[in-house]
Amino acid sequence: MIGLLYSAVRNVDVHNFQRFHEEQLEAVERIITWSNDVQRRLK
């Protein structure tokens, strides 16, 4: 089972994975910035 998972992950296009990861990080940063703004307004 773990071997199957490993080979599936290894077969993923690394470039696409890195780009997806960067987009996820940017989205998280935007959400954090937005929630910080909201908290500032509520104070």
PDB file of N, CA and C in Angstrom:
ATOM      1  N   MET A   1       0.838  -1.211   0.000  1.00  0.00           N
ATOM      2  CA  MET A   1       0.000   0.000   0.000  1.00  0.00           C
ATOM      3  C   MET A   1       0.869   1.255   0.000  1.00  0.00           C
ATOM      4  N   ILE A   2       1.844   1.294   0.904  1.00  0.00           N
ATOM      5  CA  ILE A   2       2.724   2.464   0.969  1.00  0.00           C
ATOM      6  C   ILE A   2       3.569   2.559  -0.300  1.00  0.00           C
ATOM      7  N   GLY A   3       4.002   1.403  -0.809  1.00  0.00           N
ATOM      8  CA  GLY A   3       4.777   1.391  -2.049  1.00  0.00           C
ATOM      9  C   GLY A   3       3.970   1.957  -3.211  1.00  0.00           C
ATOM     10  N   LEU A   4       2.684   1.612  -3.246  1.00  0.00           N
ATOM     11  CA  LEU A   4       1.793   2.105  -4.299  1.00  0.00           C
ATOM     12  C   LEU A   4       1.659   3.621  -4.208  1.00  0.00           C
ATOM     13  N   LEU A   5       1.468   4.117  -2.987  1.00  0.00           N
ATOM     14  CA  LEU A   5       1.367   5.557  -2.757  1.00  0.00           C
ATOM     15  C   LEU A   5       2.640   6.254  -3.206  1.00  0.00           C
ATOM     16  N   TYR A   6       3.781   5.671  -2.836  1.00  0.00           N
ATOM     17  CA  TYR A   6       5.070   6.279  -3.161  1.00  0.00           C
ATOM     18  C   TYR A   6       5.254   6.396  -4.664  1.00  0.00           C
ATOM     19  N   SER A   7       4.940   5.307  -5.402  1.00  0.00           N
ATOM     20  CA  SER A   7       5.132   5.350  -6.849  1.00  0.00           C
ATOM     21  C   SER A   7       4.163   6.334  -7.498  1.00  0.00           C
ATOM     22  N   ALA A   8       2.962   6.474  -6.945  1.00  0.00           N
ATOM     23  CA  ALA A   8       1.996   7.434  -7.482  1.00  0.00           C
ATOM     24  C   ALA A   8       2.513   8.852  -7.292  1.00  0.00           C
ATOM     25  N   VAL A   9       3.044   9.122  -6.107  1.00  0.00           N
ATOM     26  CA  VAL A   9       3.574  10.458  -5.825  1.00  0.00           C
ATOM     27  C   VAL A   9       4.777  10.738  -6.709  1.00  0.00           C
ATOM     28  N   ARG A  10       5.627   9.722  -6.903  1.00  0.00           N
ATOM     29  CA  ARG A  10       6.838   9.899  -7.698  1.00  0.00           C
ATOM     30  C   ARG A  10       6.492  10.174  -9.155  1.00  0.00           C
ATOM     31  N   ASN A  11       5.360   9.636  -9.612  1.00  0.00           N
ATOM     32  CA  ASN A  11       4.973   9.806 -11.015  1.00  0.00           C
ATOM     33  C   ASN A  11       4.346  11.171 -11.291  1.00  0.00           C
ATOM     34  N   VAL A  12       3.978  11.887 -10.247  1.00  0.00           N
ATOM     35  CA  VAL A  12       3.387  13.211 -10.432  1.00  0.00           C
ATOM     36  C   VAL A  12       4.425  14.153 -11.025  1.00  0.00           C
ATOM     37  N   ASP A  13       4.003  14.989 -11.948  1.00  0.00           N
ATOM     38  CA  ASP A  13       4.898  15.972 -12.551  1.00  0.00           C
ATOM     39  C   ASP A  13       5.376  16.930 -11.462  1.00  0.00           C
ATOM     40  N   VAL A  14       6.671  16.909 -11.199  1.00  0.00           N
ATOM     41  CA  VAL A  14       7.231  17.684 -10.088  1.00  0.00           C
ATOM     42  C   VAL A  14       6.990  19.176 -10.272  1.00  0.00           C
ATOM     43  N   HIS A  15       7.112  19.659 -11.498  1.00  0.00           N
ATOM     44  CA  HIS A  15       6.924  21.092 -11.739  1.00  0.00           C
ATOM     45  C   HIS A  15       5.502  21.515 -11.386  1.00  0.00           C
ATOM     46  N   ASN A  16       4.525  20.733 -11.845  1.00  0.00           N
ATOM     47  CA  ASN A  16       3.128  21.050 -11.536  1.00  0.00           C
ATOM     48  C   ASN A  16       2.891  21.023 -10.044  1.00  0.00           C
ATOM     49  N   PHE A  17       3.510  20.059  -9.358  1.00  0.00           N
ATOM     50  CA  PHE A  17       3.326  19.958  -7.914  1.00  0.00           C
ATOM     51  C   PHE A  17       3.885  21.192  -7.221  1.00  0.00           C
ATOM     52  N   GLN A  18       5.071  21.640  -7.645  1.00  0.00           N
ATOM     53  CA  GLN A  18       5.676  22.817  -7.016  1.00  0.00           C
ATOM     54  C   GLN A  18       4.826  24.052  -7.250  1.00  0.00           C
ATOM     55  N   ARG A  19       4.296  24.186  -8.468  1.00  0.00           N
ATOM     56  CA  ARG A  19       3.461  25.349  -8.779  1.00  0.00           C
ATOM     57  C   ARG A  19       2.194  25.320  -7.932  1.00  0.00           C
ATOM     58  N   PHE A  20       1.596  24.129  -7.808  1.00  0.00           N
ATOM     59  CA  PHE A  20       0.393  23.980  -6.985  1.00  0.00           C
ATOM     60  C   PHE A  20       0.702  24.358  -5.543  1.00  0.00           C
ATOM     61  N   HIS A  21       1.858  23.911  -5.039  1.00  0.00           N
ATOM     62  CA  HIS A  21       2.239  24.192  -3.653  1.00  0.00           C
ATOM     63  C   HIS A  21       2.409  25.696  -3.443  1.00  0.00           C
ATOM     64  N   GLU A  22       3.043  26.375  -4.411  1.00  0.00           N
ATOM     65  CA  GLU A  22       3.233  27.825  -4.295  1.00  0.00           C
ATOM     66  C   GLU A  22       1.888  28.545  -4.280  1.00  0.00           C
ATOM     67  N   GLU A  23       0.956  28.090  -5.114  1.00  0.00           N
ATOM     68  CA  GLU A  23      -0.372  28.713  -5.138  1.00  0.00           C
ATOM     69  C   GLU A  23      -1.081  28.511  -3.808  1.00  0.00           C
ATOM     70  N   GLN A  24      -0.924  27.334  -3.217  1.00  0.00           N
ATOM     71  CA  GLN A  24      -1.534  27.066  -1.912  1.00  0.00           C
ATOM     72  C   GLN A  24      -0.966  28.009  -0.865  1.00  0.00           C
ATOM     73  N   LEU A  25       0.368  28.191  -0.874  1.00  0.00           N
ATOM     74  CA  LEU A  25       1.007  29.072   0.107  1.00  0.00           C
ATOM     75  C   LEU A  25       0.507  30.503  -0.049  1.00  0.00           C
ATOM     76  N   GLU A  26       0.375  30.964  -1.300  1.00  0.00           N
ATOM     77  CA  GLU A  26      -0.115  32.324  -1.531  1.00  0.00           C
ATOM     78  C   GLU A  26      -1.539  32.472  -1.013  1.00  0.00           C
ATOM     79  N   ALA A  27      -2.361  31.460  -1.239  1.00  0.00           N
ATOM     80  CA  ALA A  27      -3.746  31.513  -0.765  1.00  0.00           C
ATOM     81  C   ALA A  27      -3.787  31.573   0.756  1.00  0.00           C
ATOM     82  N   VAL A  28      -2.940  30.783   1.403  1.00  0.00           N
ATOM     83  CA  VAL A  28      -2.901  30.786   2.870  1.00  0.00           C
ATOM     84  C   VAL A  28      -2.464  32.152   3.383  1.00  0.00           C
ATOM     85  N   GLU A  29      -1.448  32.735   2.736  1.00  0.00           N
ATOM     86  CA  GLU A  29      -0.978  34.061   3.154  1.00  0.00           C
ATOM     87  C   GLU A  29      -2.082  35.096   3.017  1.00  0.00           C
ATOM     88  N   ARG A  30      -2.850  35.021   1.916  1.00  0.00           N
ATOM     89  CA  ARG A  30      -3.950  35.962   1.714  1.00  0.00           C
ATOM     90  C   ARG A  30      -4.999  35.814   2.805  1.00  0.00           C
ATOM     91  N   ILE A  31      -5.310  34.569   3.147  1.00  0.00           N
ATOM     92  CA  ILE A  31      -6.323  34.324   4.187  1.00  0.00           C
ATOM     93  C   ILE A  31      -5.839  34.853   5.528  1.00  0.00           C
ATOM     94  N   ILE A  32      -4.556  34.633   5.843  1.00  0.00           N
ATOM     95  CA  ILE A  32      -4.010  35.115   7.120  1.00  0.00           C
ATOM     96  C   ILE A  32      -4.046  36.638   7.158  1.00  0.00           C
ATOM     97  N   THR A  33      -3.641  37.274   6.066  1.00  0.00           N
ATOM     98  CA  THR A  33      -3.656  38.735   6.001  1.00  0.00           C
ATOM     99  C   THR A  33      -5.075  39.258   6.191  1.00  0.00           C
ATOM    100  N   TRP A  34      -6.028  38.608   5.507  1.00  0.00           N
ATOM    101  CA  TRP A  34      -7.429  39.022   5.613  1.00  0.00           C
ATOM    102  C   TRP A  34      -7.938  38.863   7.038  1.00  0.00           C
ATOM    103  N   SER A  35      -7.632  37.737   7.679  1.00  0.00           N
ATOM    104  CA  SER A  35      -8.136  37.524   9.045  1.00  0.00           C
ATOM    105  C   SER A  35      -7.485  38.504  10.013  1.00  0.00           C
ATOM    106  N   ASN A  36      -6.225  38.861   9.776  1.00  0.00           N
ATOM    107  CA  ASN A  36      -5.572  39.869  10.623  1.00  0.00           C
ATOM    108  C   ASN A  36      -6.271  41.221  10.473  1.00  0.00           C
ATOM    109  N   ASP A  37      -6.632  41.577   9.236  1.00  0.00           N
ATOM    110  CA  ASP A  37      -7.366  42.821   8.987  1.00  0.00           C
ATOM    111  C   ASP A  37      -8.684  42.822   9.748  1.00  0.00           C
ATOM    112  N   VAL A  38      -9.409  41.720   9.664  1.00  0.00           N
ATOM    113  CA  VAL A  38     -10.708  41.615  10.336  1.00  0.00           C
ATOM    114  C   VAL A  38     -10.535  41.776  11.841  1.00  0.00           C
ATOM    115  N   GLN A  39      -9.524  41.127  12.397  1.00  0.00           N
ATOM    116  CA  GLN A  39      -9.299  41.214  13.842  1.00  0.00           C
ATOM    117  C   GLN A  39      -8.955  42.640  14.255  1.00  0.00           C
ATOM    118  N   ARG A  40      -8.184  43.349  13.418  1.00  0.00           N
ATOM    119  CA  ARG A  40      -7.842  44.737  13.737  1.00  0.00           C
ATOM    120  C   ARG A  40      -9.094  45.602  13.769  1.00  0.00           C
ATOM    121  N   ARG A  41      -9.993  45.371  12.809  1.00  0.00           N
ATOM    122  CA  ARG A  41     -11.223  46.173  12.756  1.00  0.00           C
ATOM    123  C   ARG A  41     -12.127  45.883  13.936  1.00  0.00           C
ATOM    124  N   LEU A  42     -12.093  44.660  14.441  1.00  0.00           N
ATOM    125  CA  LEU A  42     -12.980  44.287  15.546  1.00  0.00           C
ATOM    126  C   LEU A  42     -12.499  44.853  16.877  1.00  0.00           C
ATOM    127  N   LYS A  43     -11.218  45.172  16.963  1.00  0.00           N
ATOM    128  CA  LYS A  43     -10.692  45.690  18.243  1.00  0.00           C
ATOM    129  C   LYS A  43     -11.177  47.108  18.489  1.00  0.00           C
TER     130      LYS A  43
END
